[in-house]
């Protein structure tokens, strides 16, 4: 006969295993460095969005040789961010605008964009989650 405690322990173990399996990709990508593109792919005063390790990342080059990376999701209502022009990131969903150098909100959104760790070396842009 299975005791109540034994049943609860088995159930908890099974749910934990399912939960950990579902997080496998995210956990595997955590603290990983991904090579995204060549520096020449990002225009000065512009930016591009890339799919990296299952995440959308927006990389900008506010001034020559200076690169920034942000989670490509608007902090206003979660709209996708697709790029940057003239050092401005705009959300097509509701018109929110962000500074490409700092990620700070300029209009509509009240919170800045989430930053992503970035490294540039040998003409290559890398991000780390």
N, C-alpha and C. Protein backbone atom coordinates (compact mmCIF):
# COMPACT_ATOMS: atom_id res chain seq x y z
N UNK A 1 0.83 -1.18 0.00
CA UNK A 1 0.00 0.00 0.00
C UNK A 1 0.88 1.24 0.00
N UNK A 2 0.50 2.21 -0.81
CA UNK A 2 1.27 3.46 -0.91
C UNK A 2 0.74 4.42 0.15
N UNK A 3 1.68 4.99 0.89
CA UNK A 3 1.29 5.97 1.91
C UNK A 3 1.04 7.32 1.25
N UNK A 4 0.37 8.16 1.95
CA UNK A 4 0.10 9.51 1.45
C UNK A 4 1.41 10.25 1.20
N UNK A 5 2.34 10.10 2.13
CA UNK A 5 3.65 10.75 1.99
C UNK A 5 4.38 10.22 0.77
N UNK A 6 4.38 8.93 0.56
CA UNK A 6 5.04 8.32 -0.59
C UNK A 6 4.44 8.82 -1.90
N UNK A 7 3.13 8.93 -1.94
CA UNK A 7 2.44 9.43 -3.13
C UNK A 7 2.84 10.88 -3.41
N UNK A 8 2.86 11.71 -2.37
CA UNK A 8 3.23 13.12 -2.55
C UNK A 8 4.68 13.27 -2.99
N UNK A 9 5.57 12.48 -2.43
CA UNK A 9 6.99 12.52 -2.83
C UNK A 9 7.13 12.11 -4.29
N UNK A 10 6.44 11.06 -4.70
CA UNK A 10 6.50 10.61 -6.09
C UNK A 10 5.94 11.66 -7.04
N UNK A 11 4.85 12.25 -6.67
CA UNK A 11 4.23 13.28 -7.49
C UNK A 11 5.15 14.49 -7.62
N UNK A 12 5.72 14.93 -6.52
CA UNK A 12 6.63 16.08 -6.54
C UNK A 12 7.86 15.79 -7.39
N UNK A 13 8.40 14.60 -7.28
CA UNK A 13 9.57 14.22 -8.08
C UNK A 13 9.25 14.23 -9.57
N UNK A 14 8.10 13.69 -9.91
CA UNK A 14 7.68 13.66 -11.31
C UNK A 14 7.48 15.05 -11.88
N UNK A 15 6.82 15.92 -11.12
CA UNK A 15 6.60 17.30 -11.58
C UNK A 15 7.91 18.06 -11.70
N UNK A 16 8.81 17.84 -10.77
CA UNK A 16 10.12 18.50 -10.84
C UNK A 16 10.88 18.05 -12.08
N UNK A 17 10.82 16.77 -12.39
CA UNK A 17 11.51 16.26 -13.58
C UNK A 17 10.93 16.87 -14.84
N UNK A 18 9.61 16.97 -14.91
CA UNK A 18 8.97 17.58 -16.08
C UNK A 18 9.37 19.05 -16.19
N UNK A 19 9.34 19.76 -15.08
CA UNK A 19 9.71 21.18 -15.08
C UNK A 19 11.14 21.40 -15.50
N UNK A 20 12.05 20.60 -14.99
CA UNK A 20 13.46 20.75 -15.34
C UNK A 20 13.72 20.39 -16.79
N UNK A 21 13.01 19.41 -17.31
CA UNK A 21 13.16 19.05 -18.72
C UNK A 21 12.71 20.19 -19.61
N UNK A 22 11.62 20.84 -19.25
CA UNK A 22 11.10 21.97 -20.02
C UNK A 22 12.05 23.15 -20.02
N UNK A 23 12.83 23.30 -18.99
CA UNK A 23 13.78 24.41 -18.89
C UNK A 23 15.13 24.05 -19.50
N UNK A 24 15.27 22.85 -20.00
CA UNK A 24 16.56 22.38 -20.49
C UNK A 24 17.25 23.32 -21.46
N UNK A 25 16.54 23.79 -22.47
CA UNK A 25 17.14 24.68 -23.46
C UNK A 25 17.54 26.00 -22.84
N UNK A 26 16.66 26.57 -22.02
CA UNK A 26 16.97 27.84 -21.39
C UNK A 26 18.15 27.70 -20.44
N UNK A 27 18.19 26.63 -19.68
CA UNK A 27 19.29 26.40 -18.75
C UNK A 27 20.59 26.18 -19.52
N UNK A 28 20.51 25.44 -20.61
CA UNK A 28 21.70 25.17 -21.42
C UNK A 28 22.25 26.46 -22.02
N UNK A 29 21.36 27.39 -22.38
CA UNK A 29 21.80 28.65 -22.97
C UNK A 29 22.23 29.68 -21.93
N UNK A 30 21.85 29.47 -20.68
CA UNK A 30 22.21 30.42 -19.64
C UNK A 30 23.73 30.49 -19.52
N UNK A 31 24.23 31.69 -19.40
CA UNK A 31 25.66 31.96 -19.24
C UNK A 31 26.48 31.43 -20.41
N UNK A 32 25.87 31.37 -21.58
CA UNK A 32 26.59 30.97 -22.79
C UNK A 32 26.90 32.19 -23.61
N UNK A 33 28.01 32.15 -24.32
CA UNK A 33 28.36 33.22 -25.23
C UNK A 33 28.05 32.77 -26.65
N UNK A 34 27.36 33.62 -27.39
CA UNK A 34 26.96 33.33 -28.77
C UNK A 34 27.59 34.34 -29.71
N UNK A 35 28.20 33.86 -30.78
CA UNK A 35 28.68 34.74 -31.84
C UNK A 35 27.47 35.09 -32.68
N UNK A 36 27.21 36.39 -32.85
CA UNK A 36 25.99 36.83 -33.52
C UNK A 36 26.25 37.24 -34.96
N UNK A 37 27.23 38.11 -35.18
CA UNK A 37 27.46 38.64 -36.52
C UNK A 37 28.82 39.33 -36.59
N UNK A 38 29.15 39.79 -37.76
CA UNK A 38 30.34 40.61 -37.94
C UNK A 38 29.96 42.04 -37.60
N UNK A 39 30.92 42.82 -37.13
CA UNK A 39 30.64 44.21 -36.79
C UNK A 39 30.13 44.99 -38.00
N UNK A 40 30.57 44.62 -39.18
CA UNK A 40 30.15 45.32 -40.40
C UNK A 40 28.67 45.13 -40.71
N UNK A 41 28.00 44.17 -40.07
CA UNK A 41 26.58 43.92 -40.31
C UNK A 41 25.69 44.94 -39.60
N UNK A 42 26.25 45.66 -38.64
CA UNK A 42 25.48 46.63 -37.87
C UNK A 42 25.85 48.04 -38.34
N UNK A 43 24.91 48.77 -38.94
CA UNK A 43 25.23 50.11 -39.42
C UNK A 43 25.45 51.11 -38.28
N UNK A 44 26.33 52.08 -38.50
CA UNK A 44 26.53 53.15 -37.53
C UNK A 44 25.22 53.92 -37.40
N UNK A 45 24.82 54.23 -36.17
CA UNK A 45 23.56 54.89 -35.82
C UNK A 45 22.34 54.03 -36.17
N UNK A 46 22.56 52.73 -36.34
CA UNK A 46 21.47 51.82 -36.66
C UNK A 46 21.54 50.57 -35.80
N UNK A 47 20.74 49.59 -36.15
CA UNK A 47 20.73 48.34 -35.41
C UNK A 47 19.92 47.28 -36.13
N UNK A 48 20.16 46.03 -35.74
CA UNK A 48 19.46 44.89 -36.33
C UNK A 48 19.08 43.91 -35.23
N UNK A 49 18.01 43.17 -35.51
CA UNK A 49 17.54 42.16 -34.56
C UNK A 49 17.98 40.78 -35.05
N UNK A 50 18.41 39.95 -34.10
CA UNK A 50 18.87 38.59 -34.40
C UNK A 50 18.20 37.62 -33.45
N UNK A 51 18.02 36.39 -33.90
CA UNK A 51 17.55 35.30 -33.05
C UNK A 51 18.80 34.60 -32.52
N UNK A 52 18.94 34.62 -31.20
CA UNK A 52 20.15 34.08 -30.58
C UNK A 52 19.77 33.17 -29.42
N UNK A 53 20.07 31.89 -29.53
CA UNK A 53 19.78 30.95 -28.45
C UNK A 53 18.31 30.95 -28.04
N UNK A 54 17.42 31.11 -28.99
CA UNK A 54 16.00 31.11 -28.69
C UNK A 54 15.47 32.45 -28.22
N UNK A 55 16.31 33.49 -28.22
CA UNK A 55 15.91 34.82 -27.80
C UNK A 55 16.11 35.80 -28.95
N UNK A 56 15.31 36.87 -28.97
CA UNK A 56 15.49 37.94 -29.95
C UNK A 56 16.34 39.02 -29.29
N UNK A 57 17.43 39.38 -29.97
CA UNK A 57 18.37 40.37 -29.45
C UNK A 57 18.54 41.48 -30.49
N UNK A 58 18.48 42.72 -30.03
CA UNK A 58 18.68 43.88 -30.90
C UNK A 58 20.07 44.43 -30.61
N UNK A 59 20.91 44.48 -31.65
CA UNK A 59 22.26 45.01 -31.50
C UNK A 59 22.33 46.33 -32.24
N UNK A 60 22.85 47.36 -31.55
CA UNK A 60 22.97 48.68 -32.15
C UNK A 60 24.44 49.12 -32.16
N UNK A 61 24.72 50.12 -33.02
CA UNK A 61 26.04 50.75 -33.06
C UNK A 61 25.80 52.27 -33.06
N UNK A 62 25.58 52.83 -31.86
CA UNK A 62 25.26 54.26 -31.76
C UNK A 62 26.32 55.18 -32.36
N UNK A 63 27.57 54.82 -32.21
CA UNK A 63 28.66 55.55 -32.86
C UNK A 63 29.69 54.53 -33.30
N UNK A 64 30.50 54.89 -34.25
CA UNK A 64 31.45 53.95 -34.84
C UNK A 64 32.28 53.24 -33.77
N UNK A 65 32.21 51.91 -33.79
CA UNK A 65 32.98 51.08 -32.87
C UNK A 65 32.36 50.87 -31.50
N UNK A 66 31.20 51.44 -31.23
CA UNK A 66 30.52 51.30 -29.95
C UNK A 66 29.24 50.49 -30.17
N UNK A 67 29.15 49.33 -29.55
CA UNK A 67 28.02 48.44 -29.76
C UNK A 67 27.24 48.23 -28.46
N UNK A 68 25.92 48.07 -28.58
CA UNK A 68 25.04 47.79 -27.45
C UNK A 68 24.10 46.66 -27.86
N UNK A 69 23.61 45.91 -26.87
CA UNK A 69 22.66 44.83 -27.15
C UNK A 69 21.53 44.89 -26.13
N UNK A 70 20.32 44.66 -26.62
CA UNK A 70 19.12 44.71 -25.79
C UNK A 70 18.20 43.53 -26.14
N UNK A 71 17.38 43.14 -25.18
CA UNK A 71 16.32 42.18 -25.46
C UNK A 71 15.37 42.90 -26.42
N UNK A 72 15.05 42.28 -27.54
CA UNK A 72 14.26 42.94 -28.59
C UNK A 72 12.76 42.86 -28.33
N UNK A 73 12.37 43.27 -27.13
CA UNK A 73 10.96 43.29 -26.74
C UNK A 73 10.68 44.64 -26.09
N UNK A 74 9.67 45.34 -26.60
CA UNK A 74 9.27 46.64 -26.07
C UNK A 74 8.78 46.49 -24.64
N UNK A 75 9.20 47.40 -23.78
CA UNK A 75 8.79 47.35 -22.38
C UNK A 75 7.41 47.96 -22.15
N UNK A 76 6.80 48.50 -23.20
CA UNK A 76 5.47 49.07 -23.07
C UNK A 76 4.41 47.97 -23.02
N UNK A 77 4.32 47.17 -24.11
CA UNK A 77 3.35 46.08 -24.11
C UNK A 77 3.88 44.83 -24.80
N UNK A 78 5.19 44.67 -24.83
CA UNK A 78 5.78 43.43 -25.33
C UNK A 78 5.88 43.28 -26.83
N UNK A 79 5.76 44.37 -27.56
CA UNK A 79 5.89 44.30 -29.02
C UNK A 79 7.32 43.97 -29.44
N UNK A 80 7.45 43.37 -30.61
CA UNK A 80 8.78 43.02 -31.13
C UNK A 80 9.49 44.27 -31.64
N UNK A 81 10.77 44.36 -31.36
CA UNK A 81 11.60 45.45 -31.87
C UNK A 81 12.44 44.91 -33.01
N UNK A 82 12.41 45.58 -34.14
CA UNK A 82 13.03 45.03 -35.34
C UNK A 82 14.32 45.70 -35.78
N UNK A 83 14.70 46.79 -35.18
CA UNK A 83 15.92 47.44 -35.61
C UNK A 83 16.00 48.84 -35.05
N UNK A 84 16.97 49.61 -35.57
CA UNK A 84 17.16 50.98 -35.13
C UNK A 84 17.62 51.82 -36.31
N UNK A 85 17.23 53.08 -36.29
CA UNK A 85 17.65 54.05 -37.30
C UNK A 85 17.89 55.38 -36.59
N UNK A 86 18.92 56.11 -37.03
CA UNK A 86 19.23 57.42 -36.46
C UNK A 86 19.30 57.38 -34.94
N UNK A 87 19.93 56.32 -34.41
CA UNK A 87 20.11 56.12 -32.97
C UNK A 87 18.80 56.05 -32.19
N UNK A 88 17.75 55.58 -32.84
CA UNK A 88 16.47 55.44 -32.19
C UNK A 88 15.87 54.07 -32.50
N UNK A 89 15.39 53.43 -31.45
CA UNK A 89 14.71 52.14 -31.59
C UNK A 89 13.22 52.44 -31.45
N UNK A 90 12.44 52.01 -32.42
CA UNK A 90 11.00 52.28 -32.40
C UNK A 90 10.22 50.97 -32.40
N UNK A 91 9.16 50.95 -31.61
CA UNK A 91 8.25 49.81 -31.58
C UNK A 91 7.09 50.12 -32.51
N UNK A 92 6.84 49.27 -33.47
CA UNK A 92 5.76 49.48 -34.42
C UNK A 92 4.37 49.26 -33.82
N UNK A 93 4.30 48.63 -32.65
CA UNK A 93 3.01 48.30 -32.06
C UNK A 93 2.26 49.55 -31.58
N UNK A 94 2.93 50.38 -30.76
CA UNK A 94 2.28 51.58 -30.22
C UNK A 94 3.14 52.83 -30.33
N UNK A 95 4.26 52.75 -31.05
CA UNK A 95 5.09 53.93 -31.26
C UNK A 95 6.06 54.26 -30.14
N UNK A 96 6.31 53.35 -29.23
CA UNK A 96 7.29 53.60 -28.17
C UNK A 96 8.66 53.79 -28.82
N UNK A 97 9.48 54.66 -28.21
CA UNK A 97 10.81 54.93 -28.74
C UNK A 97 11.84 54.83 -27.63
N UNK A 98 13.03 54.36 -28.04
CA UNK A 98 14.12 54.16 -27.09
C UNK A 98 15.42 54.70 -27.67
N UNK A 99 16.32 55.15 -26.80
CA UNK A 99 17.63 55.61 -27.21
C UNK A 99 18.49 54.38 -27.52
N UNK A 100 19.09 54.33 -28.71
CA UNK A 100 19.88 53.16 -29.12
C UNK A 100 21.18 53.02 -28.34
N UNK A 101 21.67 54.11 -27.74
CA UNK A 101 22.92 54.06 -26.98
C UNK A 101 22.71 53.60 -25.54
N UNK A 102 21.54 53.91 -24.97
CA UNK A 102 21.32 53.62 -23.56
C UNK A 102 20.17 52.66 -23.29
N UNK A 103 19.26 52.53 -24.26
CA UNK A 103 18.06 51.71 -24.06
C UNK A 103 16.98 52.43 -23.28
N UNK A 104 17.23 53.68 -22.90
CA UNK A 104 16.26 54.45 -22.13
C UNK A 104 15.04 54.79 -22.97
N UNK A 105 13.86 54.74 -22.35
CA UNK A 105 12.61 55.06 -23.02
C UNK A 105 12.55 56.55 -23.29
N UNK A 106 12.08 56.89 -24.51
CA UNK A 106 11.92 58.30 -24.89
C UNK A 106 10.45 58.70 -24.95
N UNK A 107 9.60 57.77 -25.32
CA UNK A 107 8.16 58.07 -25.38
C UNK A 107 7.35 56.78 -25.26
N UNK A 108 6.15 56.91 -24.78
CA UNK A 108 5.16 55.86 -24.55
C UNK A 108 5.60 54.89 -23.45
N UNK A 109 6.70 54.17 -23.63
CA UNK A 109 7.16 53.22 -22.62
C UNK A 109 7.75 53.98 -21.42
N UNK A 110 7.61 53.43 -20.24
CA UNK A 110 8.15 54.08 -19.04
C UNK A 110 9.41 53.40 -18.52
N UNK A 111 9.72 52.23 -19.04
CA UNK A 111 10.91 51.50 -18.57
C UNK A 111 11.90 51.33 -19.70
N UNK A 112 13.20 51.32 -19.38
CA UNK A 112 14.22 51.11 -20.41
C UNK A 112 14.22 49.66 -20.90
N UNK A 113 14.88 49.44 -22.00
CA UNK A 113 15.03 48.09 -22.54
C UNK A 113 15.98 47.30 -21.65
N UNK A 114 15.77 45.99 -21.59
CA UNK A 114 16.67 45.11 -20.84
C UNK A 114 17.97 44.96 -21.63
N UNK A 115 19.09 45.14 -20.96
CA UNK A 115 20.39 45.05 -21.62
C UNK A 115 20.86 43.60 -21.67
N UNK A 116 21.65 43.31 -22.70
CA UNK A 116 22.26 42.00 -22.87
C UNK A 116 23.77 42.23 -22.90
N UNK A 117 24.52 41.39 -22.19
CA UNK A 117 25.99 41.52 -22.18
C UNK A 117 26.52 41.32 -23.59
N UNK A 118 27.44 42.19 -23.99
CA UNK A 118 27.98 42.15 -25.35
C UNK A 118 29.50 42.28 -25.31
N UNK A 119 30.15 41.63 -26.26
CA UNK A 119 31.61 41.73 -26.41
C UNK A 119 31.92 41.79 -27.88
N UNK A 120 32.88 42.62 -28.22
CA UNK A 120 33.30 42.77 -29.61
C UNK A 120 34.79 42.51 -29.66
N UNK A 121 35.17 41.56 -30.56
CA UNK A 121 36.59 41.28 -30.73
C UNK A 121 36.82 40.70 -32.13
N UNK A 122 37.93 41.08 -32.72
CA UNK A 122 38.32 40.57 -34.04
C UNK A 122 37.20 40.73 -35.07
N UNK A 123 36.48 41.85 -35.02
CA UNK A 123 35.44 42.11 -35.99
C UNK A 123 34.18 41.29 -35.82
N UNK A 124 34.00 40.69 -34.63
CA UNK A 124 32.85 39.84 -34.37
C UNK A 124 32.09 40.35 -33.16
N UNK A 125 30.75 40.29 -33.23
CA UNK A 125 29.90 40.69 -32.12
C UNK A 125 29.40 39.43 -31.43
N UNK A 126 29.57 39.38 -30.10
CA UNK A 126 29.11 38.23 -29.30
C UNK A 126 28.23 38.74 -28.17
N UNK A 127 27.23 37.93 -27.81
CA UNK A 127 26.39 38.25 -26.66
C UNK A 127 26.43 37.10 -25.67
N UNK A 128 26.16 37.45 -24.42
CA UNK A 128 26.17 36.44 -23.36
C UNK A 128 24.92 36.61 -22.53
N UNK A 129 24.22 35.49 -22.32
CA UNK A 129 23.02 35.50 -21.49
C UNK A 129 23.35 34.98 -20.13
